Amino acid sequence: MQTVRKTAKTSPASLIAVANAPCQPAGPGELVTYQFSAVSAAVRVSAVIITFNESNNIRRTLSRLHWCDEIIIVDSYSTDNTIDICKEFGCKIFFRSFEGYGAQKRFAVSKASNNWILCIDADEVLSEELTREIQEQLHKKPSYAGFFMPMNLVFLGREFRYGKESQRYFLRLFNKNAGGFNEALVHEKLEIYGETGRMREKILHYSYADTRQWQEKCSRYTTLSAREAIKKGKKRSVPAVIIALPYYFFRTYFMERNFLNGLEGFYWSAFTAHYHFMKYVKIREQNSKN
């Protein structure tokens, strides 16, 4: 993350948003307009979320964004009731075929009306304490280009309070004039220029409700990660594939202290090792076809 200059100061904000309207079909990149009214001051914030079949998560996430001026949803043609839920919260909804996480988020940010962007995933939920802290920080005329926020993983219903998946800081609130997302297919990065601050209160990451959901995401992420690695000319040797499972399990379970997270910590460590193993296998598989 580059930090080379400060952005200009902005003014404070205090807002409440309420909206509703019927859902209408739309084509690629086409806006579905809903009534969205807000009482706000000079600092206006756009929440930005990309979605695909997130009906199990999106209501919980949107319920903590009532203070934002607008909520931008970029949906990859969900087949569940994600859109129906989003319309209840007065979201501005665009439809766009998925071309990678970086490209999707760049498109979403481009549709935001305001300079300050809160970009979170559909399974990330702001704590009530964090929503208050964000508003307090914005009232202080922030000179920062963005803010990092601590995040705890919630895996199979258990919040991880130890290890790498607890208190990890992610850049989620930023001024879009200071930068934006890269074009990575997966594990996209937010690259901004300017000083950044840190929030104290946390986001809860409800990543996987069950093992089926984990398997689906693992298949999608390993495919995209392998494709990204091949674009960069990366390869994986036979010894690397063989050692991937024991190495990543040992590192995740013992070195990253996931043994303190109970049985779910053991599951997480085993799944993490499997993720890396599958990514390495797919890299070799794709390289052999080229």
C-alpha atoms as a PDB file:
ATOM      1  CA  MET A   1       0.000   0.000   0.000  1.00  0.00           C
ATOM      2  CA  GLN A   2       1.560   3.280  -1.084  1.00  0.00           C
ATOM      3  CA  THR A   3       1.332   6.288   1.199  1.00  0.00           C
ATOM      4  CA  VAL A   4       3.042   9.263  -0.395  1.00  0.00           C
ATOM      5  CA  ARG A   5       0.847  12.282   0.187  1.00  0.00           C
ATOM      6  CA  LYS A   6      -2.164  13.536   2.108  1.00  0.00           C
ATOM      7  CA  THR A   7      -5.499  14.280   0.518  1.00  0.00           C
ATOM      8  CA  ALA A   8      -7.419  17.462   1.209  1.00  0.00           C
ATOM      9  CA  LYS A   9      -9.527  17.703   4.328  1.00  0.00           C
ATOM     10  CA  THR A  10     -13.264  17.192   4.071  1.00  0.00           C
ATOM     11  CA  SER A  11     -16.191  18.378   6.151  1.00  0.00           C
ATOM     12  CA  PRO A  12     -18.243  16.432   8.726  1.00  0.00           C
ATOM     13  CA  ALA A  13     -21.324  14.312   8.096  1.00  0.00           C
ATOM     14  CA  SER A  14     -24.344  13.063   9.981  1.00  0.00           C
ATOM     15  CA  LEU A  15     -26.995  11.170   8.112  1.00  0.00           C
ATOM     16  CA  ILE A  16     -29.870   8.712   8.196  1.00  0.00           C
ATOM     17  CA  ALA A  17     -31.210   7.024   5.068  1.00  0.00           C
ATOM     18  CA  VAL A  18     -34.618   5.518   4.427  1.00  0.00           C
ATOM     19  CA  ALA A  19     -35.912   4.254   1.078  1.00  0.00           C
ATOM     20  CA  ASN A  20     -38.013   1.784  -0.814  1.00  0.00           C
ATOM     21  CA  ALA A  21     -39.248   1.157  -4.365  1.00  0.00           C
ATOM     22  CA  PRO A  22     -40.209  -1.707  -6.657  1.00  0.00           C
ATOM     23  CA  CYS A  23     -37.578  -3.812  -8.385  1.00  0.00           C
ATOM     24  CA  GLN A  24     -37.323  -3.630 -12.198  1.00  0.00           C
ATOM     25  CA  PRO A  25     -35.192  -5.787 -14.540  1.00  0.00           C
ATOM     26  CA  ALA A  26     -32.143  -4.271 -16.180  1.00  0.00           C
ATOM     27  CA  GLY A  27     -29.465  -5.103 -18.715  1.00  0.00           C
ATOM     28  CA  PRO A  28     -25.671  -5.215 -18.241  1.00  0.00           C
ATOM     29  CA  GLY A  29     -24.329  -2.114 -16.534  1.00  0.00           C
ATOM     30  CA  GLU A  30     -27.804  -0.616 -16.439  1.00  0.00           C
ATOM     31  CA  LEU A  31     -29.059   1.175 -13.359  1.00  0.00           C
ATOM     32  CA  VAL A  32     -32.164   0.168 -11.446  1.00  0.00           C
ATOM     33  CA  THR A  33     -33.299   3.345  -9.685  1.00  0.00           C
ATOM     34  CA  TYR A  34     -34.907   3.309  -6.254  1.00  0.00           C
ATOM     35  CA  GLN A  35     -36.077   6.146  -4.065  1.00  0.00           C
ATOM     36  CA  PHE A  36     -33.294   6.922  -1.588  1.00  0.00           C
ATOM     37  CA  SER A  37     -33.556   9.913   0.718  1.00  0.00           C
ATOM     38  CA  ALA A  38     -30.964  11.031   3.234  1.00  0.00           C
ATOM     39  CA  VAL A  39     -30.391  13.813   5.720  1.00  0.00           C
ATOM     40  CA  SER A  40     -26.676  14.556   5.523  1.00  0.00           C
ATOM     41  CA  ALA A  41     -23.967  17.127   6.085  1.00  0.00           C
ATOM     42  CA  ALA A  42     -20.952  17.937   3.864  1.00  0.00           C
ATOM     43  CA  VAL A  43     -19.081  14.592   4.140  1.00  0.00           C
ATOM     44  CA  ARG A  44     -21.144  12.162   2.133  1.00  0.00           C
ATOM     45  CA  VAL A  45     -20.386   8.432   2.083  1.00  0.00           C
ATOM     46  CA  SER A  46     -21.268   5.835  -0.534  1.00  0.00           C
ATOM     47  CA  ALA A  47     -21.331   2.194   0.523  1.00  0.00           C
ATOM     48  CA  VAL A  48     -20.262  -0.110  -2.311  1.00  0.00           C
ATOM     49  CA  ILE A  49     -20.886  -3.877  -2.431  1.00  0.00           C
ATOM     50  CA  ILE A  50     -20.576  -6.474  -5.189  1.00  0.00           C
ATOM     51  CA  THR A  51     -22.971  -9.422  -4.969  1.00  0.00           C
ATOM     52  CA  PHE A  52     -23.890 -12.797  -6.392  1.00  0.00           C
ATOM     53  CA  ASN A  53     -26.426 -14.988  -4.592  1.00  0.00           C
ATOM     54  CA  GLU A  54     -25.830 -13.359  -1.209  1.00  0.00           C
ATOM     55  CA  SER A  55     -29.341 -13.675   0.212  1.00  0.00           C
ATOM     56  CA  ASN A  56     -27.998 -15.440   3.314  1.00  0.00           C
ATOM     57  CA  ASN A  57     -25.721 -12.513   4.150  1.00  0.00           C
ATOM     58  CA  ILE A  58     -26.822  -9.280   2.554  1.00  0.00           C
ATOM     59  CA  ARG A  59     -29.651  -8.285   4.918  1.00  0.00           C
ATOM     60  CA  ARG A  60     -27.358  -8.478   7.949  1.00  0.00           C
ATOM     61  CA  THR A  61     -24.736  -6.396   6.145  1.00  0.00           C
ATOM     62  CA  LEU A  62     -27.113  -3.735   4.820  1.00  0.00           C
ATOM     63  CA  SER A  63     -28.778  -3.298   8.212  1.00  0.00           C
ATOM     64  CA  ARG A  64     -25.591  -1.616   9.485  1.00  0.00           C
ATOM     65  CA  LEU A  65     -25.328   0.854   6.590  1.00  0.00           C
ATOM     66  CA  HIS A  66     -28.326   3.056   7.450  1.00  0.00           C
ATOM     67  CA  TRP A  67     -26.007   6.034   8.018  1.00  0.00           C
ATOM     68  CA  CYS A  68     -24.623   6.051   4.460  1.00  0.00           C
ATOM     69  CA  ASP A  69     -25.920   8.506   1.844  1.00  0.00           C
ATOM     70  CA  GLU A  70     -26.290   5.772  -0.748  1.00  0.00           C
ATOM     71  CA  ILE A  71     -25.651   2.064  -1.188  1.00  0.00           C
ATOM     72  CA  ILE A  72     -24.311   0.902  -4.546  1.00  0.00           C
ATOM     73  CA  ILE A  73     -24.859  -2.760  -5.447  1.00  0.00           C
ATOM     74  CA  VAL A  74     -23.192  -4.343  -8.482  1.00  0.00           C
ATOM     75  CA  ASP A  75     -24.786  -7.735  -8.966  1.00  0.00           C
ATOM     76  CA  SER A  76     -23.625 -10.567 -11.228  1.00  0.00           C
ATOM     77  CA  TYR A  77     -27.180 -11.667 -12.045  1.00  0.00           C
ATOM     78  CA  SER A  78     -28.098 -13.392  -8.784  1.00  0.00           C
ATOM     79  CA  THR A  79     -30.655 -16.187  -9.015  1.00  0.00           C
ATOM     80  CA  ASP A  80     -31.796 -15.998  -5.389  1.00  0.00           C
ATOM     81  CA  ASN A  81     -33.606 -13.101  -3.678  1.00  0.00           C
ATOM     82  CA  THR A  82     -30.512 -10.936  -3.163  1.00  0.00           C
ATOM     83  CA  ILE A  83     -31.974  -8.143  -5.284  1.00  0.00           C
ATOM     84  CA  ASP A  84     -35.321  -8.197  -3.483  1.00  0.00           C
ATOM     85  CA  ILE A  85     -33.524  -7.707  -0.175  1.00  0.00           C
ATOM     86  CA  CYS A  86     -31.336  -4.917  -1.575  1.00  0.00           C
ATOM     87  CA  LYS A  87     -34.378  -3.043  -2.832  1.00  0.00           C
ATOM     88  CA  GLU A  88     -35.786  -2.991   0.727  1.00  0.00           C
ATOM     89  CA  PHE A  89     -32.785  -0.890   1.742  1.00  0.00           C
ATOM     90  CA  GLY A  90     -33.084   1.578  -1.132  1.00  0.00           C
ATOM     91  CA  CYS A  91     -29.944   0.446  -2.925  1.00  0.00           C
ATOM     92  CA  LYS A  92     -28.892   1.676  -6.357  1.00  0.00           C
ATOM     93  CA  ILE A  93     -28.461  -1.576  -8.234  1.00  0.00           C
ATOM     94  CA  PHE A  94     -26.421  -2.258 -11.364  1.00  0.00           C
ATOM     95  CA  PHE A  95     -26.126  -5.567 -13.173  1.00  0.00           C
ATOM     96  CA  ARG A  96     -22.794  -6.608 -14.656  1.00  0.00           C
ATOM     97  CA  SER A  97     -21.263  -9.917 -15.683  1.00  0.00           C
ATOM     98  CA  PHE A  98     -18.431 -10.947 -13.389  1.00  0.00           C
ATOM     99  CA  GLU A  99     -14.975 -10.292 -14.877  1.00  0.00           C
ATOM    100  CA  GLY A 100     -12.886 -10.531 -11.718  1.00  0.00           C
ATOM    101  CA  TYR A 101     -13.063  -9.002  -8.260  1.00  0.00           C
ATOM    102  CA  GLY A 102     -10.838  -6.033  -9.051  1.00  0.00           C
ATOM    103  CA  ALA A 103     -12.729  -5.031 -12.193  1.00  0.00           C
ATOM    104  CA  GLN A 104     -16.088  -5.514 -10.508  1.00  0.00           C
ATOM    105  CA  LYS A 105     -15.185  -3.278  -7.567  1.00  0.00           C
ATOM    106  CA  ARG A 106     -13.646  -0.621  -9.829  1.00  0.00           C
ATOM    107  CA  PHE A 107     -16.934  -0.507 -11.735  1.00  0.00           C
ATOM    108  CA  ALA A 108     -18.911  -0.265  -8.496  1.00  0.00           C
ATOM    109  CA  VAL A 109     -16.796   2.616  -7.184  1.00  0.00           C
ATOM    110  CA  SER A 110     -17.213   4.444 -10.500  1.00  0.00           C
ATOM    111  CA  LYS A 111     -20.982   4.465  -9.927  1.00  0.00           C
ATOM    112  CA  ALA A 112     -20.739   6.085  -6.499  1.00  0.00           C
ATOM    113  CA  SER A 113     -21.876   9.703  -6.272  1.00  0.00           C
ATOM    114  CA  ASN A 114     -19.597  10.613  -3.367  1.00  0.00           C
ATOM    115  CA  ASN A 115     -15.839  10.825  -2.860  1.00  0.00           C
ATOM    116  CA  TRP A 116     -15.775   8.840   0.379  1.00  0.00           C
ATOM    117  CA  ILE A 117     -16.325   5.148  -0.272  1.00  0.00           C
ATOM    118  CA  LEU A 118     -17.060   2.356   2.193  1.00  0.00           C
ATOM    119  CA  CYS A 119     -16.305  -0.782   0.171  1.00  0.00           C
ATOM    120  CA  ILE A 120     -17.130  -3.986   2.025  1.00  0.00           C
ATOM    121  CA  ASP A 121     -17.986  -7.520   0.984  1.00  0.00           C
ATOM    122  CA  ALA A 122     -21.519  -8.847   1.208  1.00  0.00           C
ATOM    123  CA  ASP A 123     -20.560 -11.070   4.154  1.00  0.00           C
ATOM    124  CA  GLU A 124     -18.859  -8.323   6.182  1.00  0.00           C
ATOM    125  CA  VAL A 125     -20.872  -6.711   8.984  1.00  0.00           C
ATOM    126  CA  LEU A 126     -19.908  -3.498  10.746  1.00  0.00           C
ATOM    127  CA  SER A 127     -20.300  -3.611  14.500  1.00  0.00           C
ATOM    128  CA  GLU A 128     -22.526  -0.914  15.972  1.00  0.00           C
ATOM    129  CA  GLU A 129     -19.451   0.461  17.736  1.00  0.00           C
ATOM    130  CA  LEU A 130     -17.647   0.768  14.400  1.00  0.00           C
ATOM    131  CA  THR A 131     -20.504   2.642  12.741  1.00  0.00           C
ATOM    132  CA  ARG A 132     -20.357   5.185  15.563  1.00  0.00           C
ATOM    133  CA  GLU A 133     -16.567   5.431  15.318  1.00  0.00           C
ATOM    134  CA  ILE A 134     -16.689   6.031  11.567  1.00  0.00           C
ATOM    135  CA  GLN A 135     -19.150   8.875  11.969  1.00  0.00           C
ATOM    136  CA  GLU A 136     -17.066  10.365  14.779  1.00  0.00           C
ATOM    137  CA  GLN A 137     -13.953  10.267  12.604  1.00  0.00           C
ATOM    138  CA  LEU A 138     -15.719  11.921   9.695  1.00  0.00           C
ATOM    139  CA  HIS A 139     -16.934  14.685  12.017  1.00  0.00           C
ATOM    140  CA  LYS A 140     -13.299  15.459  12.808  1.00  0.00           C
ATOM    141  CA  LYS A 141     -12.568  16.625   9.254  1.00  0.00           C
ATOM    142  CA  PRO A 142     -10.248  13.713   8.390  1.00  0.00           C
ATOM    143  CA  SER A 143      -6.945  14.520   6.685  1.00  0.00           C
ATOM    144  CA  TYR A 144      -6.404  10.840   5.903  1.00  0.00           C
ATOM    145  CA  ALA A 145      -6.870   9.296   2.468  1.00  0.00           C
ATOM    146  CA  GLY A 146      -8.449   6.213   4.030  1.00  0.00           C
ATOM    147  CA  PHE A 147      -9.009   4.127   7.142  1.00  0.00           C
ATOM    148  CA  PHE A 148      -8.040   0.565   7.992  1.00  0.00           C
ATOM    149  CA  MET A 149     -10.484  -1.454  10.082  1.00  0.00           C
ATOM    150  CA  PRO A 150      -9.842  -4.590  12.174  1.00  0.00           C
ATOM    151  CA  MET A 151     -11.726  -7.709  11.135  1.00  0.00           C
ATOM    152  CA  ASN A 152     -12.501 -10.981  12.902  1.00  0.00           C
ATOM    153  CA  LEU A 153     -13.453 -14.119  11.001  1.00  0.00           C
ATOM    154  CA  VAL A 154     -16.733 -15.851  11.903  1.00  0.00           C
ATOM    155  CA  PHE A 155     -16.365 -19.453  10.715  1.00  0.00           C
ATOM    156  CA  LEU A 156     -19.137 -22.033  11.136  1.00  0.00           C
ATOM    157  CA  GLY A 157     -20.717 -19.728  13.715  1.00  0.00           C
ATOM    158  CA  ARG A 158     -17.580 -19.159  15.803  1.00  0.00           C
ATOM    159  CA  GLU A 159     -15.844 -15.788  16.001  1.00  0.00           C
ATOM    160  CA  PHE A 160     -12.087 -16.253  15.818  1.00  0.00           C
ATOM    161  CA  ARG A 161     -10.392 -14.258  18.573  1.00  0.00           C
ATOM    162  CA  TYR A 162      -6.908 -15.677  18.052  1.00  0.00           C
ATOM    163  CA  GLY A 163      -4.562 -16.179  15.159  1.00  0.00           C
ATOM    164  CA  LYS A 164      -4.134 -14.502  11.804  1.00  0.00           C
ATOM    165  CA  GLU A 165      -7.877 -14.335  11.130  1.00  0.00           C
ATOM    166  CA  SER A 166      -8.499 -12.108  14.142  1.00  0.00           C
ATOM    167  CA  GLN A 167      -7.766  -8.392  14.306  1.00  0.00           C
ATOM    168  CA  ARG A 168      -6.556  -8.305  10.708  1.00  0.00           C
ATOM    169  CA  TYR A 169      -6.636  -4.762   9.348  1.00  0.00           C
ATOM    170  CA  PHE A 170      -8.216  -4.057   5.970  1.00  0.00           C
ATOM    171  CA  LEU A 171      -8.617  -0.783   4.100  1.00  0.00           C
ATOM    172  CA  ARG A 172     -12.371  -0.402   3.771  1.00  0.00           C
ATOM    173  CA  LEU A 173     -13.076   3.358   3.932  1.00  0.00           C
ATOM    174  CA  PHE A 174     -11.262   5.648   1.512  1.00  0.00           C
ATOM    175  CA  ASN A 175     -11.434   8.790  -0.595  1.00  0.00           C
ATOM    176  CA  LYS A 176     -11.697   7.677  -4.215  1.00  0.00           C
ATOM    177  CA  ASN A 177      -9.717  10.743  -5.329  1.00  0.00           C
ATOM    178  CA  ALA A 178      -6.696   9.145  -3.629  1.00  0.00           C
ATOM    179  CA  GLY A 179      -6.740   5.862  -5.559  1.00  0.00           C
ATOM    180  CA  GLY A 180      -8.742   2.720  -6.191  1.00  0.00           C
ATOM    181  CA  PHE A 181      -8.748  -1.013  -6.823  1.00  0.00           C
ATOM    182  CA  ASN A 182      -6.359  -2.815  -9.130  1.00  0.00           C
ATOM    183  CA  GLU A 183      -7.557  -5.218 -11.843  1.00  0.00           C
ATOM    184  CA  ALA A 184      -6.693  -8.487 -10.071  1.00  0.00           C
ATOM    185  CA  LEU A 185      -9.036 -11.387 -10.771  1.00  0.00           C
ATOM    186  CA  VAL A 186      -8.973 -12.384  -7.090  1.00  0.00           C
ATOM    187  CA  HIS A 187      -7.398 -10.995  -3.906  1.00  0.00           C
ATOM    188  CA  GLU A 188      -7.749  -7.512  -5.344  1.00  0.00           C
ATOM    189  CA  LYS A 189      -5.900  -4.657  -3.670  1.00  0.00           C
ATOM    190  CA  LEU A 190      -6.977  -1.150  -2.861  1.00  0.00           C
ATOM    191  CA  GLU A 191      -4.088   1.156  -3.755  1.00  0.00           C
ATOM    192  CA  ILE A 192      -4.286   4.715  -2.481  1.00  0.00           C
ATOM    193  CA  TYR A 193      -1.835   7.587  -2.205  1.00  0.00           C
ATOM    194  CA  GLY A 194      -1.852   9.415   1.097  1.00  0.00           C
ATOM    195  CA  GLU A 195      -1.717   8.804   4.821  1.00  0.00           C
ATOM    196  CA  THR A 196      -4.114   6.297   6.351  1.00  0.00           C
ATOM    197  CA  GLY A 197      -5.656   6.023   9.797  1.00  0.00           C
ATOM    198  CA  ARG A 198      -6.872   3.064  11.842  1.00  0.00           C
ATOM    199  CA  MET A 199     -10.211   2.410  13.448  1.00  0.00           C
ATOM    200  CA  ARG A 200     -10.410   0.626  16.808  1.00  0.00           C
ATOM    201  CA  GLU A 201     -13.755  -1.142  16.445  1.00  0.00           C
ATOM    202  CA  LYS A 202     -14.191  -4.208  14.261  1.00  0.00           C
ATOM    203  CA  ILE A 203     -15.909  -5.771  11.285  1.00  0.00           C
ATOM    204  CA  LEU A 204     -17.217  -9.336  11.585  1.00  0.00           C
ATOM    205  CA  HIS A 205     -16.539 -11.456   8.511  1.00  0.00           C
ATOM    206  CA  TYR A 206     -19.238 -14.121   8.148  1.00  0.00           C
ATOM    207  CA  SER A 207     -17.292 -15.937   5.466  1.00  0.00           C
ATOM    208  CA  TYR A 208     -18.707 -19.475   5.535  1.00  0.00           C
ATOM    209  CA  ALA A 209     -21.985 -20.625   7.061  1.00  0.00           C
ATOM    210  CA  ASP A 210     -21.315 -24.295   6.277  1.00  0.00           C
ATOM    211  CA  THR A 211     -18.841 -26.607   4.546  1.00  0.00           C
ATOM    212  CA  ARG A 212     -20.832 -26.589   1.297  1.00  0.00           C
ATOM    213  CA  GLN A 213     -20.371 -22.839   0.987  1.00  0.00           C
ATOM    214  CA  TRP A 214     -16.668 -23.214   1.702  1.00  0.00           C
ATOM    215  CA  GLN A 215     -16.294 -25.829  -1.039  1.00  0.00           C
ATOM    216  CA  GLU A 216     -18.041 -23.597  -3.567  1.00  0.00           C
ATOM    217  CA  LYS A 217     -15.865 -20.602  -2.726  1.00  0.00           C
ATOM    218  CA  CYS A 218     -12.718 -22.723  -2.622  1.00  0.00           C
ATOM    219  CA  SER A 219     -13.388 -24.025  -6.135  1.00  0.00           C
ATOM    220  CA  ARG A 220     -14.000 -20.514  -7.484  1.00  0.00           C
ATOM    221  CA  TYR A 221     -11.097 -18.826  -5.680  1.00  0.00           C
ATOM    222  CA  THR A 222      -8.501 -21.491  -6.475  1.00  0.00           C
ATOM    223  CA  THR A 223      -9.426 -21.332 -10.166  1.00  0.00           C
ATOM    224  CA  LEU A 224      -9.111 -17.551 -10.248  1.00  0.00           C
ATOM    225  CA  SER A 225      -5.930 -17.574  -8.140  1.00  0.00           C
ATOM    226  CA  ALA A 226      -4.314 -20.139 -10.438  1.00  0.00           C
ATOM    227  CA  ARG A 227      -5.265 -18.077 -13.479  1.00  0.00           C
ATOM    228  CA  GLU A 228      -3.778 -14.960 -11.878  1.00  0.00           C
ATOM    229  CA  ALA A 229      -0.570 -16.821 -10.982  1.00  0.00           C
ATOM    230  CA  ILE A 230      -0.163 -18.122 -14.521  1.00  0.00           C
ATOM    231  CA  LYS A 231      -0.598 -14.592 -15.907  1.00  0.00           C
ATOM    232  CA  LYS A 232       2.381 -13.602 -13.760  1.00  0.00           C
ATOM    233  CA  GLY A 233       4.426 -16.532 -15.065  1.00  0.00           C
ATOM    234  CA  LYS A 234       4.370 -18.498 -11.820  1.00  0.00           C
ATOM    235  CA  LYS A 235       4.814 -22.264 -11.666  1.00  0.00           C
ATOM    236  CA  ARG A 236       4.717 -24.861  -8.895  1.00  0.00           C
ATOM    237  CA  SER A 237       7.123 -27.796  -8.676  1.00  0.00           C
ATOM    238  CA  VAL A 238       6.159 -31.361  -7.765  1.00  0.00           C
ATOM    239  CA  PRO A 239       7.818 -31.044  -4.307  1.00  0.00           C
ATOM    240  CA  ALA A 240       5.825 -27.837  -3.693  1.00  0.00           C
ATOM    241  CA  VAL A 241       2.568 -29.667  -4.423  1.00  0.00           C
ATOM    242  CA  ILE A 242       3.511 -32.615  -2.203  1.00  0.00           C
ATOM    243  CA  ILE A 243       4.486 -30.473   0.770  1.00  0.00           C
ATOM    244  CA  ALA A 244       1.593 -27.988   0.455  1.00  0.00           C
ATOM    245  CA  LEU A 245      -0.890 -29.895   2.647  1.00  0.00           C
ATOM    246  CA  PRO A 246       1.342 -30.602   5.683  1.00  0.00           C
ATOM    247  CA  TYR A 247       3.170 -27.271   5.449  1.00  0.00           C
ATOM    248  CA  TYR A 248       0.088 -25.034   5.349  1.00  0.00           C
ATOM    249  CA  PHE A 249      -1.727 -27.041   7.999  1.00  0.00           C
ATOM    250  CA  PHE A 250       1.235 -26.758  10.395  1.00  0.00           C
ATOM    251  CA  ARG A 251       1.636 -23.052   9.694  1.00  0.00           C
ATOM    252  CA  THR A 252      -2.071 -22.237  10.062  1.00  0.00           C
ATOM    253  CA  TYR A 253      -2.869 -24.445  13.052  1.00  0.00           C
ATOM    254  CA  PHE A 254       0.280 -24.069  15.144  1.00  0.00           C
ATOM    255  CA  MET A 255       2.260 -21.030  13.983  1.00  0.00           C
ATOM    256  CA  GLU A 256      -0.843 -18.870  13.531  1.00  0.00           C
ATOM    257  CA  ARG A 257      -2.328 -20.222  16.803  1.00  0.00           C
ATOM    258  CA  ASN A 258      -5.625 -21.455  15.397  1.00  0.00           C
ATOM    259  CA  PHE A 259      -5.522 -24.268  17.935  1.00  0.00           C
ATOM    260  CA  LEU A 260      -6.837 -21.614  20.340  1.00  0.00           C
ATOM    261  CA  ASN A 261      -9.992 -21.274  18.224  1.00  0.00           C
ATOM    262  CA  GLY A 262     -11.312 -24.719  19.171  1.00  0.00           C
ATOM    263  CA  LEU A 263     -12.487 -27.360  16.733  1.00  0.00           C
ATOM    264  CA  GLU A 264     -13.387 -24.671  14.202  1.00  0.00           C
ATOM    265  CA  GLY A 265      -9.740 -23.586  14.279  1.00  0.00           C
ATOM    266  CA  PHE A 266      -8.726 -27.132  13.361  1.00  0.00           C
ATOM    267  CA  TYR A 267     -11.249 -27.216  10.514  1.00  0.00           C
ATOM    268  CA  TRP A 268     -10.054 -23.826   9.260  1.00  0.00           C
ATOM    269  CA  SER A 269      -6.429 -24.972   9.246  1.00  0.00           C
ATOM    270  CA  ALA A 270      -7.256 -28.140   7.312  1.00  0.00           C
ATOM    271  CA  PHE A 271      -9.371 -26.205   4.802  1.00  0.00           C
ATOM    272  CA  THR A 272      -6.651 -23.584   4.361  1.00  0.00           C
ATOM    273  CA  ALA A 273      -4.099 -26.300   3.583  1.00  0.00           C
ATOM    274  CA  HIS A 274      -6.527 -27.832   1.083  1.00  0.00           C
ATOM    275  CA  TYR A 275      -7.024 -24.428  -0.573  1.00  0.00           C
ATOM    276  CA  HIS A 276      -3.302 -23.987  -1.229  1.00  0.00           C
ATOM    277  CA  PHE A 277      -2.961 -27.584  -2.394  1.00  0.00           C
ATOM    278  CA  MET A 278      -5.778 -27.184  -4.917  1.00  0.00           C
ATOM    279  CA  LYS A 279      -4.383 -23.886  -6.172  1.00  0.00           C
ATOM    280  CA  TYR A 280      -0.971 -25.483  -6.785  1.00  0.00           C
ATOM    281  CA  VAL A 281      -2.569 -28.444  -8.588  1.00  0.00           C
ATOM    282  CA  LYS A 282      -4.563 -26.096 -10.833  1.00  0.00           C
ATOM    283  CA  ILE A 283      -1.455 -24.040 -11.634  1.00  0.00           C
ATOM    284  CA  ARG A 284       0.343 -27.186 -12.776  1.00  0.00           C
ATOM    285  CA  GLU A 285      -2.738 -28.384 -14.634  1.00  0.00           C
ATOM    286  CA  GLN A 286      -3.128 -25.137 -16.571  1.00  0.00           C
ATOM    287  CA  ASN A 287       0.606 -24.839 -17.299  1.00  0.00           C
ATOM    288  CA  SER A 288       0.591 -28.348 -18.756  1.00  0.00           C
ATOM    289  CA  LYS A 289      -2.148 -27.298 -21.186  1.00  0.00           C
ATOM    290  CA  ASN A 290      -0.296 -24.219 -22.389  1.00  0.00           C
END
